[in-house]
PDB file of N, CA and C in Angstrom:
ATOM      1  N   MET A   1      -4.123 -17.281  -9.088  1.00  0.00           N
ATOM      2  CA  MET A   1      -5.397 -16.623  -8.972  1.00  0.00           C
ATOM      3  C   MET A   1      -6.335 -17.597  -8.263  1.00  0.00           C
ATOM      4  N   LEU A   2      -6.963 -17.128  -7.203  1.00  0.00           N
ATOM      5  CA  LEU A   2      -7.792 -17.972  -6.343  1.00  0.00           C
ATOM      6  C   LEU A   2      -9.198 -17.367  -6.274  1.00  0.00           C
ATOM      7  N   PRO A   3     -10.067 -17.659  -7.268  1.00  0.00           N
ATOM      8  CA  PRO A   3     -11.342 -16.966  -7.372  1.00  0.00           C
ATOM      9  C   PRO A   3     -12.333 -17.218  -6.243  1.00  0.00           C
ATOM     10  N   LEU A   4     -12.256 -18.334  -5.545  1.00  0.00           N
ATOM     11  CA  LEU A   4     -13.209 -18.625  -4.480  1.00  0.00           C
ATOM     12  C   LEU A   4     -12.640 -18.412  -3.091  1.00  0.00           C
ATOM     13  N   GLY A   5     -11.406 -17.948  -3.001  1.00  0.00           N
ATOM     14  CA  GLY A   5     -10.788 -17.840  -1.684  1.00  0.00           C
ATOM     15  C   GLY A   5     -10.566 -19.241  -1.128  1.00  0.00           C
ATOM     16  N   GLY A   6     -10.445 -19.352   0.159  1.00  0.00           N
ATOM     17  CA  GLY A   6     -10.248 -20.661   0.781  1.00  0.00           C
ATOM     18  C   GLY A   6      -8.804 -21.109   0.827  1.00  0.00           C
ATOM     19  N   LEU A   7      -7.941 -20.491   0.015  1.00  0.00           N
ATOM     20  CA  LEU A   7      -6.526 -20.846  -0.027  1.00  0.00           C
ATOM     21  C   LEU A   7      -5.687 -19.571  -0.016  1.00  0.00           C
ATOM     22  N   THR A   8      -4.508 -19.663   0.606  1.00  0.00           N
ATOM     23  CA  THR A   8      -3.523 -18.590   0.540  1.00  0.00           C
ATOM     24  C   THR A   8      -2.199 -19.222   0.144  1.00  0.00           C
ATOM     25  N   PRO A   9      -1.522 -18.692  -0.875  1.00  0.00           N
ATOM     26  CA  PRO A   9      -0.205 -19.230  -1.220  1.00  0.00           C
ATOM     27  C   PRO A   9       0.797 -18.948  -0.099  1.00  0.00           C
ATOM     28  N   VAL A  10       1.582 -19.964   0.252  1.00  0.00           N
ATOM     29  CA  VAL A  10       2.564 -19.840   1.326  1.00  0.00           C
ATOM     30  C   VAL A  10       3.977 -19.808   0.745  1.00  0.00           C
ATOM     31  N   THR A  11       4.288 -20.746  -0.136  1.00  0.00           N
ATOM     32  CA  THR A  11       5.610 -20.790  -0.769  1.00  0.00           C
ATOM     33  C   THR A  11       5.449 -21.132  -2.239  1.00  0.00           C
ATOM     34  N   ARG A  12       6.464 -20.781  -3.016  1.00  0.00           N
ATOM     35  CA  ARG A  12       6.507 -21.165  -4.422  1.00  0.00           C
ATOM     36  C   ARG A  12       7.968 -21.324  -4.818  1.00  0.00           C
ATOM     37  N   ALA A  13       8.215 -22.221  -5.757  1.00  0.00           N
ATOM     38  CA  ALA A  13       9.568 -22.454  -6.256  1.00  0.00           C
ATOM     39  C   ALA A  13       9.461 -23.093  -7.630  1.00  0.00           C
ATOM     40  N   TRP A  14      10.544 -23.009  -8.381  1.00  0.00           N
ATOM     41  CA  TRP A  14      10.574 -23.687  -9.678  1.00  0.00           C
ATOM     42  C   TRP A  14      12.007 -24.019 -10.039  1.00  0.00           C
ATOM     43  N   ALA A  15      12.140 -24.946 -10.970  1.00  0.00           N
ATOM     44  CA  ALA A  15      13.459 -25.316 -11.482  1.00  0.00           C
ATOM     45  C   ALA A  15      13.277 -26.104 -12.773  1.00  0.00           C
ATOM     46  N   PRO A  16      14.282 -26.096 -13.623  1.00  0.00           N
ATOM     47  CA  PRO A  16      14.228 -26.954 -14.805  1.00  0.00           C
ATOM     48  C   PRO A  16      14.082 -28.417 -14.366  1.00  0.00           C
ATOM     49  N   CYS A  17      13.423 -29.229 -15.175  1.00  0.00           N
ATOM     50  CA  CYS A  17      13.259 -30.644 -14.839  1.00  0.00           C
ATOM     51  C   CYS A  17      14.620 -31.269 -14.566  1.00  0.00           C
ATOM     52  N   GLY A  18      14.689 -32.067 -13.511  1.00  0.00           N
ATOM     53  CA  GLY A  18      15.931 -32.713 -13.118  1.00  0.00           C
ATOM     54  C   GLY A  18      16.727 -31.938 -12.084  1.00  0.00           C
ATOM     55  N   ALA A  19      16.298 -30.715 -11.761  1.00  0.00           N
ATOM     56  CA  ALA A  19      16.996 -29.901 -10.757  1.00  0.00           C
ATOM     57  C   ALA A  19      16.095 -29.710  -9.546  1.00  0.00           C
ATOM     58  N   LEU A  20      16.695 -29.367  -8.419  1.00  0.00           N
ATOM     59  CA  LEU A  20      15.909 -29.084  -7.217  1.00  0.00           C
ATOM     60  C   LEU A  20      15.280 -27.706  -7.333  1.00  0.00           C
ATOM     61  N   PRO A  21      14.000 -27.564  -6.924  1.00  0.00           N
ATOM     62  CA  PRO A  21      13.363 -26.252  -7.007  1.00  0.00           C
ATOM     63  C   PRO A  21      14.023 -25.248  -6.079  1.00  0.00           C
ATOM     64  N   GLY A  22      14.065 -24.011  -6.517  1.00  0.00           N
ATOM     65  CA  GLY A  22      14.619 -22.929  -5.720  1.00  0.00           C
ATOM     66  C   GLY A  22      13.677 -21.743  -5.743  1.00  0.00           C
ATOM     67  N   PRO A  23      14.060 -20.647  -5.109  1.00  0.00           N
ATOM     68  CA  PRO A  23      13.208 -19.462  -5.089  1.00  0.00           C
ATOM     69  C   PRO A  23      12.847 -19.003  -6.504  1.00  0.00           C
ATOM     70  N   SER A  24      11.628 -18.486  -6.655  1.00  0.00           N
ATOM     71  CA  SER A  24      11.139 -18.085  -7.974  1.00  0.00           C
ATOM     72  C   SER A  24      11.819 -16.851  -8.522  1.00  0.00           C
ATOM     73  N   ASP A  25      12.374 -16.016  -7.666  1.00  0.00           N
ATOM     74  CA  ASP A  25      12.887 -14.727  -8.117  1.00  0.00           C
ATOM     75  C   ASP A  25      14.405 -14.690  -8.278  1.00  0.00           C
ATOM     76  N   VAL A  26      15.047 -15.845  -8.429  1.00  0.00           N
ATOM     77  CA  VAL A  26      16.499 -15.896  -8.611  1.00  0.00           C
ATOM     78  C   VAL A  26      16.817 -15.617 -10.080  1.00  0.00           C
ATOM     79  N   PRO A  27      17.592 -14.554 -10.372  1.00  0.00           N
ATOM     80  CA  PRO A  27      17.864 -14.200 -11.768  1.00  0.00           C
ATOM     81  C   PRO A  27      18.529 -15.313 -12.579  1.00  0.00           C
ATOM     82  N   GLU A  28      19.271 -16.194 -11.927  1.00  0.00           N
ATOM     83  CA  GLU A  28      19.969 -17.268 -12.642  1.00  0.00           C
ATOM     84  C   GLU A  28      19.031 -18.374 -13.097  1.00  0.00           C
ATOM     85  N   ASN A  29      17.790 -18.380 -12.623  1.00  0.00           N
ATOM     86  CA  ASN A  29      16.823 -19.396 -13.051  1.00  0.00           C
ATOM     87  C   ASN A  29      16.431 -19.108 -14.497  1.00  0.00           C
ATOM     88  N   THR A  30      16.949 -19.900 -15.406  1.00  0.00           N
ATOM     89  CA  THR A  30      16.622 -19.735 -16.819  1.00  0.00           C
ATOM     90  C   THR A  30      16.317 -21.085 -17.435  1.00  0.00           C
ATOM     91  N   LEU A  31      15.569 -21.065 -18.517  1.00  0.00           N
ATOM     92  CA  LEU A  31      15.285 -22.268 -19.292  1.00  0.00           C
ATOM     93  C   LEU A  31      15.775 -22.052 -20.709  1.00  0.00           C
ATOM     94  N   THR A  32      16.354 -23.077 -21.290  1.00  0.00           N
ATOM     95  CA  THR A  32      16.733 -23.006 -22.692  1.00  0.00           C
ATOM     96  C   THR A  32      15.504 -23.328 -23.542  1.00  0.00           C
ATOM     97  N   ALA A  33      15.552 -22.985 -24.810  1.00  0.00           N
ATOM     98  CA  ALA A  33      14.431 -23.254 -25.712  1.00  0.00           C
ATOM     99  C   ALA A  33      14.094 -24.745 -25.701  1.00  0.00           C
ATOM    100  N   GLY A  34      12.812 -25.057 -25.551  1.00  0.00           N
ATOM    101  CA  GLY A  34      12.353 -26.446 -25.555  1.00  0.00           C
ATOM    102  C   GLY A  34      12.472 -27.164 -24.225  1.00  0.00           C
ATOM    103  N   ALA A  35      13.032 -26.511 -23.205  1.00  0.00           N
ATOM    104  CA  ALA A  35      13.202 -27.146 -21.892  1.00  0.00           C
ATOM    105  C   ALA A  35      11.873 -27.147 -21.129  1.00  0.00           C
ATOM    106  N   SER A  36      11.785 -27.987 -20.117  1.00  0.00           N
ATOM    107  CA  SER A  36      10.608 -28.088 -19.254  1.00  0.00           C
ATOM    108  C   SER A  36      10.990 -27.719 -17.833  1.00  0.00           C
ATOM    109  N   ALA A  37       9.977 -27.332 -17.050  1.00  0.00           N
ATOM    110  CA  ALA A  37      10.223 -26.970 -15.654  1.00  0.00           C
ATOM    111  C   ALA A  37       9.113 -27.511 -14.779  1.00  0.00           C
ATOM    112  N   TRP A  38       9.440 -27.708 -13.497  1.00  0.00           N
ATOM    113  CA  TRP A  38       8.469 -28.080 -12.470  1.00  0.00           C
ATOM    114  C   TRP A  38       8.222 -26.858 -11.599  1.00  0.00           C
ATOM    115  N   PHE A  39       6.962 -26.628 -11.259  1.00  0.00           N
ATOM    116  CA  PHE A  39       6.583 -25.548 -10.355  1.00  0.00           C
ATOM    117  C   PHE A  39       6.015 -26.173  -9.102  1.00  0.00           C
ATOM    118  N   THR A  40       6.441 -25.703  -7.947  1.00  0.00           N
ATOM    119  CA  THR A  40       5.994 -26.231  -6.659  1.00  0.00           C
ATOM    120  C   THR A  40       5.346 -25.100  -5.875  1.00  0.00           C
ATOM    121  N   PHE A  41       4.126 -25.331  -5.394  1.00  0.00           N
ATOM    122  CA  PHE A  41       3.395 -24.343  -4.607  1.00  0.00           C
ATOM    123  C   PHE A  41       2.880 -25.006  -3.345  1.00  0.00           C
ATOM    124  N   THR A  42       2.891 -24.270  -2.254  1.00  0.00           N
ATOM    125  CA  THR A  42       2.278 -24.717  -1.003  1.00  0.00           C
ATOM    126  C   THR A  42       1.210 -23.699  -0.646  1.00  0.00           C
ATOM    127  N   PHE A  43       0.020 -24.210  -0.289  1.00  0.00           N
ATOM    128  CA  PHE A  43      -1.096 -23.342   0.061  1.00  0.00           C
ATOM    129  C   PHE A  43      -1.547 -23.599   1.488  1.00  0.00           C
ATOM    130  N   ARG A  44      -2.011 -22.556   2.154  1.00  0.00           N
ATOM    131  CA  ARG A  44      -2.683 -22.680   3.446  1.00  0.00           C
ATOM    132  C   ARG A  44      -4.176 -22.779   3.133  1.00  0.00           C
ATOM    133  N   VAL A  45      -4.835 -23.807   3.683  1.00  0.00           N
ATOM    134  CA  VAL A  45      -6.261 -24.028   3.457  1.00  0.00           C
ATOM    135  C   VAL A  45      -7.023 -23.374   4.601  1.00  0.00           C
ATOM    136  N   HIS A  46      -8.017 -22.533   4.278  1.00  0.00           N
ATOM    137  CA  HIS A  46      -8.746 -21.759   5.281  1.00  0.00           C
ATOM    138  C   HIS A  46     -10.119 -22.316   5.619  1.00  0.00           C
ATOM    139  N   VAL A  47     -10.510 -23.410   5.026  1.00  0.00           N
ATOM    140  CA  VAL A  47     -11.811 -24.010   5.331  1.00  0.00           C
ATOM    141  C   VAL A  47     -11.571 -25.401   5.901  1.00  0.00           C
ATOM    142  N   ARG A  48     -12.440 -25.817   6.813  1.00  0.00           N
ATOM    143  CA  ARG A  48     -12.204 -27.077   7.533  1.00  0.00           C
ATOM    144  C   ARG A  48     -12.196 -28.282   6.601  1.00  0.00           C
ATOM    145  N   CYS A  49     -13.203 -28.469   5.809  1.00  0.00           N
ATOM    146  CA  CYS A  49     -13.288 -29.609   4.885  1.00  0.00           C
ATOM    147  C   CYS A  49     -13.528 -29.055   3.479  1.00  0.00           C
ATOM    148  N   PRO A  50     -12.460 -28.681   2.781  1.00  0.00           N
ATOM    149  CA  PRO A  50     -12.627 -28.002   1.500  1.00  0.00           C
ATOM    150  C   PRO A  50     -13.206 -28.896   0.418  1.00  0.00           C
ATOM    151  N   GLY A  51     -14.045 -28.298  -0.391  1.00  0.00           N
ATOM    152  CA  GLY A  51     -14.470 -28.914  -1.640  1.00  0.00           C
ATOM    153  C   GLY A  51     -13.495 -28.468  -2.705  1.00  0.00           C
ATOM    154  N   PRO A  52     -13.847 -28.662  -3.948  1.00  0.00           N
ATOM    155  CA  PRO A  52     -12.951 -28.192  -5.002  1.00  0.00           C
ATOM    156  C   PRO A  52     -12.758 -26.675  -4.920  1.00  0.00           C
ATOM    157  N   LEU A  53     -11.525 -26.242  -4.875  1.00  0.00           N
ATOM    158  CA  LEU A  53     -11.180 -24.823  -4.849  1.00  0.00           C
ATOM    159  C   LEU A  53     -10.321 -24.540  -6.083  1.00  0.00           C
ATOM    160  N   PRO A  54     -10.885 -23.861  -7.084  1.00  0.00           N
ATOM    161  CA  PRO A  54     -10.128 -23.660  -8.325  1.00  0.00           C
ATOM    162  C   PRO A  54      -8.893 -22.787  -8.117  1.00  0.00           C
ATOM    163  N   VAL A  55      -7.851 -23.145  -8.838  1.00  0.00           N
ATOM    164  CA  VAL A  55      -6.589 -22.404  -8.809  1.00  0.00           C
ATOM    165  C   VAL A  55      -6.147 -22.221 -10.257  1.00  0.00           C
ATOM    166  N   GLN A  56      -5.768 -21.007 -10.596  1.00  0.00           N
ATOM    167  CA  GLN A  56      -5.174 -20.751 -11.898  1.00  0.00           C
ATOM    168  C   GLN A  56      -3.885 -19.980 -11.645  1.00  0.00           C
ATOM    169  N   PHE A  57      -2.858 -20.302 -12.397  1.00  0.00           N
ATOM    170  CA  PHE A  57      -1.556 -19.683 -12.201  1.00  0.00           C
ATOM    171  C   PHE A  57      -1.279 -18.683 -13.315  1.00  0.00           C
ATOM    172  N   ARG A  58      -0.819 -17.501 -12.931  1.00  0.00           N
ATOM    173  CA  ARG A  58      -0.383 -16.484 -13.888  1.00  0.00           C
ATOM    174  C   ARG A  58       1.140 -16.473 -13.827  1.00  0.00           C
ATOM    175  N   LEU A  59       1.772 -16.963 -14.862  1.00  0.00           N
ATOM    176  CA  LEU A  59       3.222 -17.071 -14.944  1.00  0.00           C
ATOM    177  C   LEU A  59       3.755 -15.885 -15.741  1.00  0.00           C
ATOM    178  N   THR A  60       4.593 -15.080 -15.115  1.00  0.00           N
ATOM    179  CA  THR A  60       5.227 -13.952 -15.792  1.00  0.00           C
ATOM    180  C   THR A  60       6.686 -14.312 -16.036  1.00  0.00           C
ATOM    181  N   TYR A  61       7.126 -14.138 -17.269  1.00  0.00           N
ATOM    182  CA  TYR A  61       8.508 -14.494 -17.612  1.00  0.00           C
ATOM    183  C   TYR A  61       9.036 -13.520 -18.651  1.00  0.00           C
ATOM    184  N   GLU A  62      10.323 -13.602 -18.891  1.00  0.00           N
ATOM    185  CA  GLU A  62      10.958 -12.743 -19.880  1.00  0.00           C
ATOM    186  C   GLU A  62      11.506 -13.606 -20.998  1.00  0.00           C
ATOM    187  N   GLN A  63      11.231 -13.177 -22.231  1.00  0.00           N
ATOM    188  CA  GLN A  63      11.734 -13.884 -23.405  1.00  0.00           C
ATOM    189  C   GLN A  63      12.198 -12.841 -24.412  1.00  0.00           C
ATOM    190  N   ALA A  64      13.437 -12.947 -24.831  1.00  0.00           N
ATOM    191  CA  ALA A  64      14.022 -12.010 -25.796  1.00  0.00           C
ATOM    192  C   ALA A  64      13.855 -10.569 -25.332  1.00  0.00           C
ATOM    193  N   GLY A  65      14.025 -10.332 -24.023  1.00  0.00           N
ATOM    194  CA  GLY A  65      13.951  -8.989 -23.481  1.00  0.00           C
ATOM    195  C   GLY A  65      12.550  -8.444 -23.283  1.00  0.00           C
ATOM    196  N   ARG A  66      11.523  -9.234 -23.563  1.00  0.00           N
ATOM    197  CA  ARG A  66      10.131  -8.790 -23.393  1.00  0.00           C
ATOM    198  C   ARG A  66       9.466  -9.595 -22.288  1.00  0.00           C
ATOM    199  N   THR A  67       8.695  -8.901 -21.445  1.00  0.00           N
ATOM    200  CA  THR A  67       7.939  -9.585 -20.402  1.00  0.00           C
ATOM    201  C   THR A  67       6.682 -10.169 -21.016  1.00  0.00           C
ATOM    202  N   ARG A  68       6.411 -11.417 -20.672  1.00  0.00           N
ATOM    203  CA  ARG A  68       5.236 -12.120 -21.198  1.00  0.00           C
ATOM    204  C   ARG A  68       4.472 -12.743 -20.038  1.00  0.00           C
ATOM    205  N   VAL A  69       3.194 -13.010 -20.268  1.00  0.00           N
ATOM    206  CA  VAL A  69       2.330 -13.602 -19.245  1.00  0.00           C
ATOM    207  C   VAL A  69       1.651 -14.822 -19.844  1.00  0.00           C
ATOM    208  N   LEU A  70       1.628 -15.903 -19.089  1.00  0.00           N
ATOM    209  CA  LEU A  70       0.998 -17.145 -19.508  1.00  0.00           C
ATOM    210  C   LEU A  70       0.051 -17.579 -18.392  1.00  0.00           C
ATOM    211  N   LEU A  71      -1.188 -17.919 -18.731  1.00  0.00           N
ATOM    212  CA  LEU A  71      -2.140 -18.429 -17.741  1.00  0.00           C
ATOM    213  C   LEU A  71      -2.151 -19.948 -17.806  1.00  0.00           C
ATOM    214  N   LEU A  72      -1.990 -20.587 -16.644  1.00  0.00           N
ATOM    215  CA  LEU A  72      -1.972 -22.046 -16.550  1.00  0.00           C
ATOM    216  C   LEU A  72      -3.046 -22.502 -15.580  1.00  0.00           C
ATOM    217  N   ALA A  73      -3.768 -23.541 -15.945  1.00  0.00           N
ATOM    218  CA  ALA A  73      -4.772 -24.102 -15.042  1.00  0.00           C
ATOM    219  C   ALA A  73      -4.086 -24.892 -13.941  1.00  0.00           C
ATOM    220  N   GLY A  74      -4.733 -24.989 -12.791  1.00  0.00           N
ATOM    221  CA  GLY A  74      -4.214 -25.802 -11.691  1.00  0.00           C
ATOM    222  C   GLY A  74      -4.373 -27.282 -11.992  1.00  0.00           C
ATOM    223  N   SER A  75      -3.747 -28.089 -11.210  1.00  0.00           N
ATOM    224  CA  SER A  75      -3.764 -29.535 -11.399  1.00  0.00           C
ATOM    225  C   SER A  75      -5.105 -30.139 -10.988  1.00  0.00           C
ATOM    226  N   PRO A  76      -5.731 -30.939 -11.853  1.00  0.00           N
ATOM    227  CA  PRO A  76      -6.977 -31.600 -11.463  1.00  0.00           C
ATOM    228  C   PRO A  76      -6.752 -32.691 -10.414  1.00  0.00           C
ATOM    229  N   THR A  77      -5.510 -33.085 -10.179  1.00  0.00           N
ATOM    230  CA  THR A  77      -5.236 -34.126  -9.192  1.00  0.00           C
ATOM    231  C   THR A  77      -5.451 -33.634  -7.769  1.00  0.00           C
ATOM    232  N   TRP A  78      -5.666 -32.327  -7.565  1.00  0.00           N
ATOM    233  CA  TRP A  78      -5.908 -31.809  -6.228  1.00  0.00           C
ATOM    234  C   TRP A  78      -7.293 -32.159  -5.739  1.00  0.00           C
ATOM    235  N   ALA A  79      -8.210 -32.429  -6.642  1.00  0.00           N
ATOM    236  CA  ALA A  79      -9.578 -32.765  -6.242  1.00  0.00           C
ATOM    237  C   ALA A  79      -9.558 -34.073  -5.461  1.00  0.00           C
ATOM    238  N   GLY A  80     -10.268 -34.114  -4.374  1.00  0.00           N
ATOM    239  CA  GLY A  80     -10.372 -35.341  -3.595  1.00  0.00           C
ATOM    240  C   GLY A  80      -9.211 -35.621  -2.670  1.00  0.00           C
ATOM    241  N   LEU A  81      -8.334 -34.640  -2.422  1.00  0.00           N
ATOM    242  CA  LEU A  81      -7.253 -34.867  -1.463  1.00  0.00           C
ATOM    243  C   LEU A  81      -7.850 -35.101  -0.081  1.00  0.00           C
ATOM    244  N   PRO A  82      -7.337 -36.064   0.666  1.00  0.00           N
ATOM    245  CA  PRO A  82      -7.887 -36.327   1.995  1.00  0.00           C
ATOM    246  C   PRO A  82      -7.447 -35.253   2.995  1.00  0.00           C
ATOM    247  N   TYR A  83      -8.350 -34.887   3.909  1.00  0.00           N
ATOM    248  CA  TYR A  83      -8.056 -33.958   4.984  1.00  0.00           C
ATOM    249  C   TYR A  83      -8.431 -34.636   6.296  1.00  0.00           C
ATOM    250  N   ALA A  84      -7.546 -34.576   7.276  1.00  0.00           N
ATOM    251  CA  ALA A  84      -7.793 -35.198   8.578  1.00  0.00           C
ATOM    252  C   ALA A  84      -9.079 -34.655   9.178  1.00  0.00           C
ATOM    253  N   GLY A  85      -9.940 -35.548   9.663  1.00  0.00           N
ATOM    254  CA  GLY A  85     -11.177 -35.149  10.314  1.00  0.00           C
ATOM    255  C   GLY A  85     -12.308 -34.840   9.367  1.00  0.00           C
ATOM    256  N   CYS A  86     -12.117 -35.022   8.080  1.00  0.00           N
ATOM    257  CA  CYS A  86     -13.175 -34.752   7.095  1.00  0.00           C
ATOM    258  C   CYS A  86     -13.658 -36.070   6.494  1.00  0.00           C
ATOM    259  N   PRO A  87     -14.950 -36.144   6.189  1.00  0.00           N
ATOM    260  CA  PRO A  87     -15.453 -37.360   5.557  1.00  0.00           C
ATOM    261  C   PRO A  87     -14.834 -37.544   4.180  1.00  0.00           C
ATOM    262  N   SER A  88     -14.535 -38.780   3.817  1.00  0.00           N
ATOM    263  CA  SER A  88     -13.960 -39.029   2.491  1.00  0.00           C
ATOM    264  C   SER A  88     -15.093 -39.002   1.469  1.00  0.00           C
ATOM    265  N   SER A  89     -14.738 -38.573   0.251  1.00  0.00           N
ATOM    266  CA  SER A  89     -15.770 -38.475  -0.789  1.00  0.00           C
ATOM    267  C   SER A  89     -15.833 -39.720  -1.627  1.00  0.00           C
TER     268      SER A  89
END
């Protein structure tokens, strides 16, 4: 979810920790109880010198045959990323 615009998702992938990320919609992608996963996203930036652009992730998954939704905040480490041709903060 991108409330201020400025970004468009380009690619996404995930995998259990220790594995290489693959497409998000592969049915074989499963996690066992208590396992962890890494999510990888690539965004296209639409503003020349972006300020903080909030990102929230809506994760839809299936557990015990039921579809569930989890909201996750974006990484705070994205703030202050350098962009070529932009003044550093």
